[in-house]
PDB file of N, CA and C in Angstrom:
ATOM      1  N   MET A   1     -41.862  42.928 -68.283  1.00  0.00           N
ATOM      2  CA  MET A   1     -40.705  42.500 -67.514  1.00  0.00           C
ATOM      3  C   MET A   1     -41.164  41.511 -66.436  1.00  0.00           C
ATOM      4  N   ALA A   2     -40.449  40.421 -66.293  1.00  0.00           N
ATOM      5  CA  ALA A   2     -40.837  39.380 -65.344  1.00  0.00           C
ATOM      6  C   ALA A   2     -40.516  39.818 -63.925  1.00  0.00           C
ATOM      7  N   ASP A   3     -41.363  39.384 -63.017  1.00  0.00           N
ATOM      8  CA  ASP A   3     -41.161  39.678 -61.602  1.00  0.00           C
ATOM      9  C   ASP A   3     -40.046  38.776 -61.064  1.00  0.00           C
ATOM     10  N   ASP A   4     -39.024  39.360 -60.425  1.00  0.00           N
ATOM     11  CA  ASP A   4     -37.900  38.595 -59.883  1.00  0.00           C
ATOM     12  C   ASP A   4     -38.325  37.656 -58.775  1.00  0.00           C
ATOM     13  N   ARG A   5     -39.475  37.891 -58.186  1.00  0.00           N
ATOM     14  CA  ARG A   5     -39.920  37.044 -57.079  1.00  0.00           C
ATOM     15  C   ARG A   5     -40.682  35.820 -57.558  1.00  0.00           C
ATOM     16  N   SER A   6     -40.820  35.637 -58.861  1.00  0.00           N
ATOM     17  CA  SER A   6     -41.610  34.519 -59.374  1.00  0.00           C
ATOM     18  C   SER A   6     -40.985  33.168 -59.035  1.00  0.00           C
ATOM     19  N   ASN A   7     -39.685  33.096 -58.837  1.00  0.00           N
ATOM     20  CA  ASN A   7     -39.017  31.841 -58.494  1.00  0.00           C
ATOM     21  C   ASN A   7     -38.730  31.717 -57.007  1.00  0.00           C
ATOM     22  N   ALA A   8     -39.302  32.612 -56.213  1.00  0.00           N
ATOM     23  CA  ALA A   8     -38.988  32.633 -54.783  1.00  0.00           C
ATOM     24  C   ALA A   8     -39.325  31.322 -54.086  1.00  0.00           C
ATOM     25  N   GLY A   9     -40.354  30.627 -54.520  1.00  0.00           N
ATOM     26  CA  GLY A   9     -40.739  29.371 -53.894  1.00  0.00           C
ATOM     27  C   GLY A   9     -40.031  28.173 -54.461  1.00  0.00           C
ATOM     28  N   ASN A  10     -39.226  28.335 -55.480  1.00  0.00           N
ATOM     29  CA  ASN A  10     -38.524  27.245 -56.120  1.00  0.00           C
ATOM     30  C   ASN A  10     -37.264  26.912 -55.328  1.00  0.00           C
ATOM     31  N   PRO A  11     -37.181  25.715 -54.715  1.00  0.00           N
ATOM     32  CA  PRO A  11     -36.029  25.378 -53.880  1.00  0.00           C
ATOM     33  C   PRO A  11     -34.711  25.360 -54.648  1.00  0.00           C
ATOM     34  N   SER A  12     -34.758  25.108 -55.957  1.00  0.00           N
ATOM     35  CA  SER A  12     -33.508  25.068 -56.718  1.00  0.00           C
ATOM     36  C   SER A  12     -32.905  26.459 -56.870  1.00  0.00           C
ATOM     37  N   GLN A  13     -33.686  27.503 -56.651  1.00  0.00           N
ATOM     38  CA  GLN A  13     -33.217  28.872 -56.784  1.00  0.00           C
ATOM     39  C   GLN A  13     -32.736  29.461 -55.455  1.00  0.00           C
ATOM     40  N   VAL A  14     -33.023  28.768 -54.375  1.00  0.00           N
ATOM     41  CA  VAL A  14     -32.664  29.262 -53.044  1.00  0.00           C
ATOM     42  C   VAL A  14     -31.288  28.720 -52.678  1.00  0.00           C
ATOM     43  N   PRO A  15     -30.320  29.599 -52.394  1.00  0.00           N
ATOM     44  CA  PRO A  15     -28.987  29.098 -52.019  1.00  0.00           C
ATOM     45  C   PRO A  15     -29.055  28.309 -50.721  1.00  0.00           C
ATOM     46  N   GLN A  16     -28.367  27.190 -50.702  1.00  0.00           N
ATOM     47  CA  GLN A  16     -28.349  26.332 -49.526  1.00  0.00           C
ATOM     48  C   GLN A  16     -27.180  26.736 -48.630  1.00  0.00           C
ATOM     49  N   PRO A  17     -27.367  26.683 -47.314  1.00  0.00           N
ATOM     50  CA  PRO A  17     -26.246  27.005 -46.415  1.00  0.00           C
ATOM     51  C   PRO A  17     -25.150  25.952 -46.538  1.00  0.00           C
ATOM     52  N   LEU A  18     -23.938  26.361 -46.276  1.00  0.00           N
ATOM     53  CA  LEU A  18     -22.821  25.433 -46.325  1.00  0.00           C
ATOM     54  C   LEU A  18     -22.837  24.543 -45.092  1.00  0.00           C
ATOM     55  N   ASP A  19     -22.553  23.258 -45.290  1.00  0.00           N
ATOM     56  CA  ASP A  19     -22.418  22.406 -44.121  1.00  0.00           C
ATOM     57  C   ASP A  19     -20.993  22.567 -43.582  1.00  0.00           C
ATOM     58  N   ARG A  20     -20.684  21.896 -42.495  1.00  0.00           N
ATOM     59  CA  ARG A  20     -19.385  22.093 -41.849  1.00  0.00           C
ATOM     60  C   ARG A  20     -18.229  21.672 -42.746  1.00  0.00           C
ATOM     61  N   CYS A  21     -18.415  20.594 -43.497  1.00  0.00           N
ATOM     62  CA  CYS A  21     -17.357  20.125 -44.386  1.00  0.00           C
ATOM     63  C   CYS A  21     -17.091  21.158 -45.471  1.00  0.00           C
ATOM     64  N   ASP A  22     -18.150  21.691 -46.071  1.00  0.00           N
ATOM     65  CA  ASP A  22     -17.986  22.727 -47.093  1.00  0.00           C
ATOM     66  C   ASP A  22     -17.340  23.977 -46.504  1.00  0.00           C
ATOM     67  N   THR A  23     -17.736  24.336 -45.313  1.00  0.00           N
ATOM     68  CA  THR A  23     -17.176  25.515 -44.665  1.00  0.00           C
ATOM     69  C   THR A  23     -15.687  25.324 -44.406  1.00  0.00           C
ATOM     70  N   LEU A  24     -15.306  24.161 -43.916  1.00  0.00           N
ATOM     71  CA  LEU A  24     -13.900  23.868 -43.658  1.00  0.00           C
ATOM     72  C   LEU A  24     -13.099  23.925 -44.956  1.00  0.00           C
ATOM     73  N   GLN A  25     -13.643  23.340 -46.012  1.00  0.00           N
ATOM     74  CA  GLN A  25     -12.966  23.374 -47.311  1.00  0.00           C
ATOM     75  C   GLN A  25     -12.805  24.810 -47.798  1.00  0.00           C
ATOM     76  N   PHE A  26     -13.847  25.609 -47.633  1.00  0.00           N
ATOM     77  CA  PHE A  26     -13.793  27.007 -48.060  1.00  0.00           C
ATOM     78  C   PHE A  26     -12.718  27.764 -47.293  1.00  0.00           C
ATOM     79  N   VAL A  27     -12.701  27.603 -45.980  1.00  0.00           N
ATOM     80  CA  VAL A  27     -11.709  28.303 -45.153  1.00  0.00           C
ATOM     81  C   VAL A  27     -10.295  27.851 -45.527  1.00  0.00           C
ATOM     82  N   ALA A  28     -10.099  26.557 -45.718  1.00  0.00           N
ATOM     83  CA  ALA A  28      -8.774  26.048 -46.083  1.00  0.00           C
ATOM     84  C   ALA A  28      -8.343  26.581 -47.449  1.00  0.00           C
ATOM     85  N   CYS A  29      -9.254  26.583 -48.416  1.00  0.00           N
ATOM     86  CA  CYS A  29      -8.915  27.098 -49.751  1.00  0.00           C
ATOM     87  C   CYS A  29      -8.620  28.587 -49.706  1.00  0.00           C
ATOM     88  N   PHE A  30      -9.424  29.330 -48.967  1.00  0.00           N
ATOM     89  CA  PHE A  30      -9.232  30.769 -48.842  1.00  0.00           C
ATOM     90  C   PHE A  30      -7.896  31.074 -48.178  1.00  0.00           C
ATOM     91  N   THR A  31      -7.579  30.339 -47.133  1.00  0.00           N
ATOM     92  CA  THR A  31      -6.312  30.529 -46.419  1.00  0.00           C
ATOM     93  C   THR A  31      -5.143  30.159 -47.323  1.00  0.00           C
ATOM     94  N   ARG A  32      -5.263  29.051 -48.034  1.00  0.00           N
ATOM     95  CA  ARG A  32      -4.183  28.635 -48.953  1.00  0.00           C
ATOM     96  C   ARG A  32      -3.975  29.678 -50.041  1.00  0.00           C
ATOM     97  N   TYR A  33      -5.054  30.243 -50.551  1.00  0.00           N
ATOM     98  CA  TYR A  33      -4.940  31.301 -51.557  1.00  0.00           C
ATOM     99  C   TYR A  33      -4.178  32.501 -50.984  1.00  0.00           C
ATOM    100  N   ASN A  34      -4.536  32.913 -49.780  1.00  0.00           N
ATOM    101  CA  ASN A  34      -3.848  34.051 -49.151  1.00  0.00           C
ATOM    102  C   ASN A  34      -2.367  33.751 -48.926  1.00  0.00           C
ATOM    103  N   LEU A  35      -2.057  32.531 -48.507  1.00  0.00           N
ATOM    104  CA  LEU A  35      -0.657  32.157 -48.325  1.00  0.00           C
ATOM    105  C   LEU A  35       0.095  32.188 -49.656  1.00  0.00           C
ATOM    106  N   SER A  36      -0.564  31.771 -50.726  1.00  0.00           N
ATOM    107  CA  SER A  36       0.103  31.809 -52.033  1.00  0.00           C
ATOM    108  C   SER A  36       0.372  33.249 -52.466  1.00  0.00           C
ATOM    109  N   GLN A  37      -0.518  34.165 -52.083  1.00  0.00           N
ATOM    110  CA  GLN A  37      -0.285  35.575 -52.389  1.00  0.00           C
ATOM    111  C   GLN A  37       0.920  36.107 -51.615  1.00  0.00           C
ATOM    112  N   VAL A  38       1.072  35.689 -50.374  1.00  0.00           N
ATOM    113  CA  VAL A  38       2.239  36.089 -49.579  1.00  0.00           C
ATOM    114  C   VAL A  38       3.506  35.494 -50.190  1.00  0.00           C
ATOM    115  N   GLU A  39       3.433  34.220 -50.599  1.00  0.00           N
ATOM    116  CA  GLU A  39       4.585  33.592 -51.253  1.00  0.00           C
ATOM    117  C   GLU A  39       5.006  34.376 -52.489  1.00  0.00           C
ATOM    118  N   GLN A  40       4.037  34.730 -53.313  1.00  0.00           N
ATOM    119  CA  GLN A  40       4.320  35.483 -54.530  1.00  0.00           C
ATOM    120  C   GLN A  40       4.962  36.829 -54.192  1.00  0.00           C
ATOM    121  N   TRP A  41       4.434  37.513 -53.195  1.00  0.00           N
ATOM    122  CA  TRP A  41       4.984  38.803 -52.793  1.00  0.00           C
ATOM    123  C   TRP A  41       6.431  38.652 -52.313  1.00  0.00           C
ATOM    124  N   LEU A  42       6.699  37.604 -51.537  1.00  0.00           N
ATOM    125  CA  LEU A  42       8.064  37.362 -51.059  1.00  0.00           C
ATOM    126  C   LEU A  42       9.018  37.146 -52.229  1.00  0.00           C
ATOM    127  N   ARG A  43       8.562  36.423 -53.233  1.00  0.00           N
ATOM    128  CA  ARG A  43       9.407  36.193 -54.410  1.00  0.00           C
ATOM    129  C   ARG A  43       9.641  37.497 -55.174  1.00  0.00           C
ATOM    130  N   GLU A  44       8.586  38.289 -55.332  1.00  0.00           N
ATOM    131  CA  GLU A  44       8.727  39.567 -56.037  1.00  0.00           C
ATOM    132  C   GLU A  44       9.678  40.510 -55.309  1.00  0.00           C
ATOM    133  N   GLN A  45       9.675  40.458 -53.993  1.00  0.00           N
ATOM    134  CA  GLN A  45      10.550  41.320 -53.189  1.00  0.00           C
ATOM    135  C   GLN A  45      11.929  40.693 -52.975  1.00  0.00           C
ATOM    136  N   ARG A  46      12.129  39.512 -53.549  1.00  0.00           N
ATOM    137  CA  ARG A  46      13.387  38.763 -53.425  1.00  0.00           C
ATOM    138  C   ARG A  46      13.719  38.450 -51.961  1.00  0.00           C
ATOM    139  N   LEU A  47      12.688  38.137 -51.206  1.00  0.00           N
ATOM    140  CA  LEU A  47      12.855  37.796 -49.791  1.00  0.00           C
ATOM    141  C   LEU A  47      12.722  36.294 -49.542  1.00  0.00           C
ATOM    142  N   HIS A  48      12.472  35.537 -50.594  1.00  0.00           N
ATOM    143  CA  HIS A  48      12.210  34.105 -50.423  1.00  0.00           C
ATOM    144  C   HIS A  48      13.436  33.308 -50.006  1.00  0.00           C
ATOM    145  N   ASP A  49      14.622  33.826 -50.264  1.00  0.00           N
ATOM    146  CA  ASP A  49      15.836  33.098 -49.874  1.00  0.00           C
ATOM    147  C   ASP A  49      16.250  33.374 -48.434  1.00  0.00           C
ATOM    148  N   GLY A  50      15.606  34.324 -47.784  1.00  0.00           N
ATOM    149  CA  GLY A  50      15.991  34.699 -46.425  1.00  0.00           C
ATOM    150  C   GLY A  50      15.363  33.857 -45.339  1.00  0.00           C
ATOM    151  N   GLY A  51      14.677  32.787 -45.699  1.00  0.00           N
ATOM    152  CA  GLY A  51      14.064  31.911 -44.714  1.00  0.00           C
ATOM    153  C   GLY A  51      12.589  32.169 -44.482  1.00  0.00           C
ATOM    154  N   ALA A  52      12.028  33.173 -45.150  1.00  0.00           N
ATOM    155  CA  ALA A  52      10.616  33.499 -44.936  1.00  0.00           C
ATOM    156  C   ALA A  52       9.697  32.381 -45.432  1.00  0.00           C
ATOM    157  N   LEU A  53      10.033  31.767 -46.553  1.00  0.00           N
ATOM    158  CA  LEU A  53       9.185  30.686 -47.062  1.00  0.00           C
ATOM    159  C   LEU A  53       9.232  29.463 -46.155  1.00  0.00           C
ATOM    160  N   GLU A  54      10.392  29.210 -45.566  1.00  0.00           N
ATOM    161  CA  GLU A  54      10.507  28.063 -44.660  1.00  0.00           C
ATOM    162  C   GLU A  54       9.601  28.227 -43.442  1.00  0.00           C
ATOM    163  N   VAL A  55       9.450  29.462 -42.993  1.00  0.00           N
ATOM    164  CA  VAL A  55       8.567  29.743 -41.861  1.00  0.00           C
ATOM    165  C   VAL A  55       7.114  29.461 -42.232  1.00  0.00           C
ATOM    166  N   MET A  56       6.775  29.638 -43.506  1.00  0.00           N
ATOM    167  CA  MET A  56       5.395  29.461 -43.960  1.00  0.00           C
ATOM    168  C   MET A  56       5.012  28.003 -44.187  1.00  0.00           C
ATOM    169  N   TRP A  57       5.987  27.117 -44.347  1.00  0.00           N
ATOM    170  CA  TRP A  57       5.669  25.735 -44.688  1.00  0.00           C
ATOM    171  C   TRP A  57       4.711  25.048 -43.708  1.00  0.00           C
ATOM    172  N   PRO A  58       4.861  25.204 -42.396  1.00  0.00           N
ATOM    173  CA  PRO A  58       3.876  24.565 -41.510  1.00  0.00           C
ATOM    174  C   PRO A  58       2.443  25.072 -41.753  1.00  0.00           C
ATOM    175  N   MET A  59       2.287  26.369 -42.040  1.00  0.00           N
ATOM    176  CA  MET A  59       0.938  26.895 -42.327  1.00  0.00           C
ATOM    177  C   MET A  59       0.408  26.327 -43.636  1.00  0.00           C
ATOM    178  N   ILE A  60       1.277  26.234 -44.633  1.00  0.00           N
ATOM    179  CA  ILE A  60       0.867  25.668 -45.928  1.00  0.00           C
ATOM    180  C   ILE A  60       0.438  24.222 -45.749  1.00  0.00           C
ATOM    181  N   GLU A  61       1.228  23.460 -45.005  1.00  0.00           N
ATOM    182  CA  GLU A  61       0.891  22.054 -44.778  1.00  0.00           C
ATOM    183  C   GLU A  61      -0.391  21.902 -43.965  1.00  0.00           C
ATOM    184  N   ALA A  62      -0.612  22.798 -43.021  1.00  0.00           N
ATOM    185  CA  ALA A  62      -1.846  22.740 -42.235  1.00  0.00           C
ATOM    186  C   ALA A  62      -3.061  22.958 -43.134  1.00  0.00           C
ATOM    187  N   THR A  63      -2.984  23.904 -44.064  1.00  0.00           N
ATOM    188  CA  THR A  63      -4.122  24.112 -44.973  1.00  0.00           C
ATOM    189  C   THR A  63      -4.292  22.923 -45.900  1.00  0.00           C
ATOM    190  N   GLN A  64      -3.188  22.323 -46.331  1.00  0.00           N
ATOM    191  CA  GLN A  64      -3.286  21.128 -47.167  1.00  0.00           C
ATOM    192  C   GLN A  64      -3.924  19.976 -46.391  1.00  0.00           C
ATOM    193  N   LEU A  65      -3.569  19.872 -45.126  1.00  0.00           N
ATOM    194  CA  LEU A  65      -4.150  18.838 -44.272  1.00  0.00           C
ATOM    195  C   LEU A  65      -5.655  19.032 -44.134  1.00  0.00           C
ATOM    196  N   LEU A  66      -6.076  20.272 -43.951  1.00  0.00           N
ATOM    197  CA  LEU A  66      -7.508  20.545 -43.825  1.00  0.00           C
ATOM    198  C   LEU A  66      -8.264  20.236 -45.116  1.00  0.00           C
ATOM    199  N   GLN A  67      -7.589  20.348 -46.257  1.00  0.00           N
ATOM    200  CA  GLN A  67      -8.229  20.079 -47.538  1.00  0.00           C
ATOM    201  C   GLN A  67      -8.195  18.598 -47.910  1.00  0.00           C
ATOM    202  N   ALA A  68      -7.311  17.834 -47.306  1.00  0.00           N
ATOM    203  CA  ALA A  68      -7.114  16.437 -47.686  1.00  0.00           C
ATOM    204  C   ALA A  68      -8.233  15.537 -47.157  1.00  0.00           C
ATOM    205  N   ARG A  69      -8.389  14.399 -47.835  1.00  0.00           N
ATOM    206  CA  ARG A  69      -9.294  13.374 -47.308  1.00  0.00           C
ATOM    207  C   ARG A  69      -8.692  12.831 -46.033  1.00  0.00           C
ATOM    208  N   LYS A  70      -9.552  12.486 -45.104  1.00  0.00           N
ATOM    209  CA  LYS A  70      -9.064  12.034 -43.807  1.00  0.00           C
ATOM    210  C   LYS A  70      -9.699  10.696 -43.453  1.00  0.00           C
ATOM    211  N   THR A  71      -9.234   9.657 -44.119  1.00  0.00           N
ATOM    212  CA  THR A  71      -9.691   8.309 -43.787  1.00  0.00           C
ATOM    213  C   THR A  71      -8.483   7.501 -43.321  1.00  0.00           C
ATOM    214  N   ASP A  72      -8.746   6.323 -42.775  1.00  0.00           N
ATOM    215  CA  ASP A  72      -7.651   5.466 -42.316  1.00  0.00           C
ATOM    216  C   ASP A  72      -6.694   5.126 -43.455  1.00  0.00           C
ATOM    217  N   ALA A  73      -7.226   5.001 -44.671  1.00  0.00           N
ATOM    218  CA  ALA A  73      -6.393   4.664 -45.822  1.00  0.00           C
ATOM    219  C   ALA A  73      -5.470   5.804 -46.226  1.00  0.00           C
ATOM    220  N   ASP A  74      -5.769   7.012 -45.778  1.00  0.00           N
ATOM    221  CA  ASP A  74      -4.987   8.186 -46.175  1.00  0.00           C
ATOM    222  C   ASP A  74      -3.909   8.575 -45.173  1.00  0.00           C
ATOM    223  N   VAL A  75      -3.722   7.792 -44.125  1.00  0.00           N
ATOM    224  CA  VAL A  75      -2.780   8.149 -43.064  1.00  0.00           C
ATOM    225  C   VAL A  75      -1.362   8.312 -43.612  1.00  0.00           C
ATOM    226  N   THR A  76      -0.914   7.417 -44.460  1.00  0.00           N
ATOM    227  CA  THR A  76       0.445   7.497 -45.002  1.00  0.00           C
ATOM    228  C   THR A  76       0.634   8.755 -45.824  1.00  0.00           C
ATOM    229  N   SER A  77      -0.328   9.069 -46.683  1.00  0.00           N
ATOM    230  CA  SER A  77      -0.180  10.266 -47.520  1.00  0.00           C
ATOM    231  C   SER A  77      -0.252  11.539 -46.671  1.00  0.00           C
ATOM    232  N   ILE A  78      -1.047  11.519 -45.608  1.00  0.00           N
ATOM    233  CA  ILE A  78      -1.115  12.678 -44.710  1.00  0.00           C
ATOM    234  C   ILE A  78       0.231  12.879 -44.018  1.00  0.00           C
ATOM    235  N   CYS A  79       0.824  11.803 -43.539  1.00  0.00           N
ATOM    236  CA  CYS A  79       2.129  11.909 -42.873  1.00  0.00           C
ATOM    237  C   CYS A  79       3.203  12.400 -43.840  1.00  0.00           C
ATOM    238  N   ASP A  80       3.167  11.916 -45.078  1.00  0.00           N
ATOM    239  CA  ASP A  80       4.142  12.363 -46.080  1.00  0.00           C
ATOM    240  C   ASP A  80       3.949  13.830 -46.429  1.00  0.00           C
ATOM    241  N   MET A  81       2.711  14.266 -46.464  1.00  0.00           N
ATOM    242  CA  MET A  81       2.385  15.635 -46.844  1.00  0.00           C
ATOM    243  C   MET A  81       2.806  16.634 -45.761  1.00  0.00           C
ATOM    244  N   CYS A  82       2.886  16.197 -44.532  1.00  0.00           N
ATOM    245  CA  CYS A  82       3.116  17.109 -43.404  1.00  0.00           C
ATOM    246  C   CYS A  82       4.518  16.963 -42.826  1.00  0.00           C
ATOM    247  N   ALA A  83       5.530  17.061 -43.666  1.00  0.00           N
ATOM    248  CA  ALA A  83       6.914  16.886 -43.223  1.00  0.00           C
ATOM    249  C   ALA A  83       7.379  18.011 -42.299  1.00  0.00           C
ATOM    250  N   HIS A  84       6.751  19.187 -42.397  1.00  0.00           N
ATOM    251  CA  HIS A  84       7.166  20.325 -41.567  1.00  0.00           C
ATOM    252  C   HIS A  84       6.304  20.489 -40.309  1.00  0.00           C
ATOM    253  N   LEU A  85       5.371  19.575 -40.113  1.00  0.00           N
ATOM    254  CA  LEU A  85       4.539  19.574 -38.902  1.00  0.00           C
ATOM    255  C   LEU A  85       4.928  18.380 -38.051  1.00  0.00           C
ATOM    256  N   SER A  86       4.920  18.581 -36.764  1.00  0.00           N
ATOM    257  CA  SER A  86       5.196  17.452 -35.870  1.00  0.00           C
ATOM    258  C   SER A  86       3.955  16.567 -35.794  1.00  0.00           C
ATOM    259  N   THR A  87       4.154  15.364 -35.323  1.00  0.00           N
ATOM    260  CA  THR A  87       3.031  14.437 -35.165  1.00  0.00           C
ATOM    261  C   THR A  87       1.972  15.025 -34.248  1.00  0.00           C
ATOM    262  N   SER A  88       2.399  15.670 -33.165  1.00  0.00           N
ATOM    263  CA  SER A  88       1.420  16.255 -32.238  1.00  0.00           C
ATOM    264  C   SER A  88       0.645  17.399 -32.899  1.00  0.00           C
ATOM    265  N   GLN A  89       1.290  18.177 -33.770  1.00  0.00           N
ATOM    266  CA  GLN A  89       0.577  19.247 -34.470  1.00  0.00           C
ATOM    267  C   GLN A  89      -0.481  18.674 -35.412  1.00  0.00           C
ATOM    268  N   VAL A  90      -0.132  17.607 -36.122  1.00  0.00           N
ATOM    269  CA  VAL A  90      -1.098  16.948 -37.017  1.00  0.00           C
ATOM    270  C   VAL A  90      -2.264  16.411 -36.200  1.00  0.00           C
ATOM    271  N   LEU A  91      -1.972  15.771 -35.077  1.00  0.00           N
ATOM    272  CA  LEU A  91      -3.032  15.210 -34.239  1.00  0.00           C
ATOM    273  C   LEU A  91      -3.956  16.302 -33.696  1.00  0.00           C
ATOM    274  N   VAL A  92      -3.387  17.435 -33.288  1.00  0.00           N
ATOM    275  CA  VAL A  92      -4.210  18.540 -32.780  1.00  0.00           C
ATOM    276  C   VAL A  92      -5.126  19.064 -33.884  1.00  0.00           C
ATOM    277  N   LEU A  93      -4.583  19.261 -35.092  1.00  0.00           N
ATOM    278  CA  LEU A  93      -5.420  19.730 -36.206  1.00  0.00           C
ATOM    279  C   LEU A  93      -6.551  18.745 -36.504  1.00  0.00           C
ATOM    280  N   LEU A  94      -6.218  17.460 -36.532  1.00  0.00           N
ATOM    281  CA  LEU A  94      -7.251  16.452 -36.796  1.00  0.00           C
ATOM    282  C   LEU A  94      -8.278  16.406 -35.671  1.00  0.00           C
ATOM    283  N   ALA A  95      -7.843  16.595 -34.448  1.00  0.00           N
ATOM    284  CA  ALA A  95      -8.775  16.607 -33.314  1.00  0.00           C
ATOM    285  C   ALA A  95      -9.729  17.781 -33.418  1.00  0.00           C
ATOM    286  N   VAL A  96      -9.210  18.944 -33.801  1.00  0.00           N
ATOM    287  CA  VAL A  96     -10.059  20.123 -33.961  1.00  0.00           C
ATOM    288  C   VAL A  96     -11.098  19.888 -35.048  1.00  0.00           C
ATOM    289  N   VAL A  97     -10.667  19.288 -36.143  1.00  0.00           N
ATOM    290  CA  VAL A  97     -11.597  18.982 -37.241  1.00  0.00           C
ATOM    291  C   VAL A  97     -12.675  18.022 -36.751  1.00  0.00           C
ATOM    292  N   MET A  98     -12.293  17.007 -36.013  1.00  0.00           N
ATOM    293  CA  MET A  98     -13.272  16.030 -35.522  1.00  0.00           C
ATOM    294  C   MET A  98     -14.276  16.696 -34.573  1.00  0.00           C
ATOM    295  N   VAL A  99     -13.787  17.584 -33.710  1.00  0.00           N
ATOM    296  CA  VAL A  99     -14.681  18.283 -32.789  1.00  0.00           C
ATOM    297  C   VAL A  99     -15.668  19.133 -33.579  1.00  0.00           C
ATOM    298  N   MET A 100     -15.200  19.786 -34.637  1.00  0.00           N
ATOM    299  CA  MET A 100     -16.089  20.601 -35.462  1.00  0.00           C
ATOM    300  C   MET A 100     -17.243  19.784 -36.020  1.00  0.00           C
ATOM    301  N   PHE A 101     -16.957  18.551 -36.439  1.00  0.00           N
ATOM    302  CA  PHE A 101     -17.994  17.725 -37.048  1.00  0.00           C
ATOM    303  C   PHE A 101     -18.919  17.080 -36.025  1.00  0.00           C
ATOM    304  N   MET A 102     -18.524  17.069 -34.753  1.00  0.00           N
ATOM    305  CA  MET A 102     -19.380  16.496 -33.722  1.00  0.00           C
ATOM    306  C   MET A 102     -20.521  17.427 -33.349  1.00  0.00           C
ATOM    307  N   PHE A 103     -20.300  18.733 -33.448  1.00  0.00           N
ATOM    308  CA  PHE A 103     -21.298  19.692 -32.991  1.00  0.00           C
ATOM    309  C   PHE A 103     -22.049  20.299 -34.134  1.00  0.00           C
TER     310      PHE A 103
END
């Protein structure tokens, strides 16, 4: 039986830590997944017509914003994607993301 430690010095076998961009993507995807589970539950309970989904739209858009590309060329698509967020909310989210990448 082979020793499991035989590849210990091989860098391709050592998991690399996530950088900030990967971490942000992971958190956004994880959050979006959880929100989709809540959406599904609301539909199963027939609560989706009572306004509960409308309350969730800003959170859904915020996770989509965190997952989206953020270049000058993408400003129009970001604004279109965030119809339920105010301009100041979008700016605050983008500012937080920028601060994360500075440190």
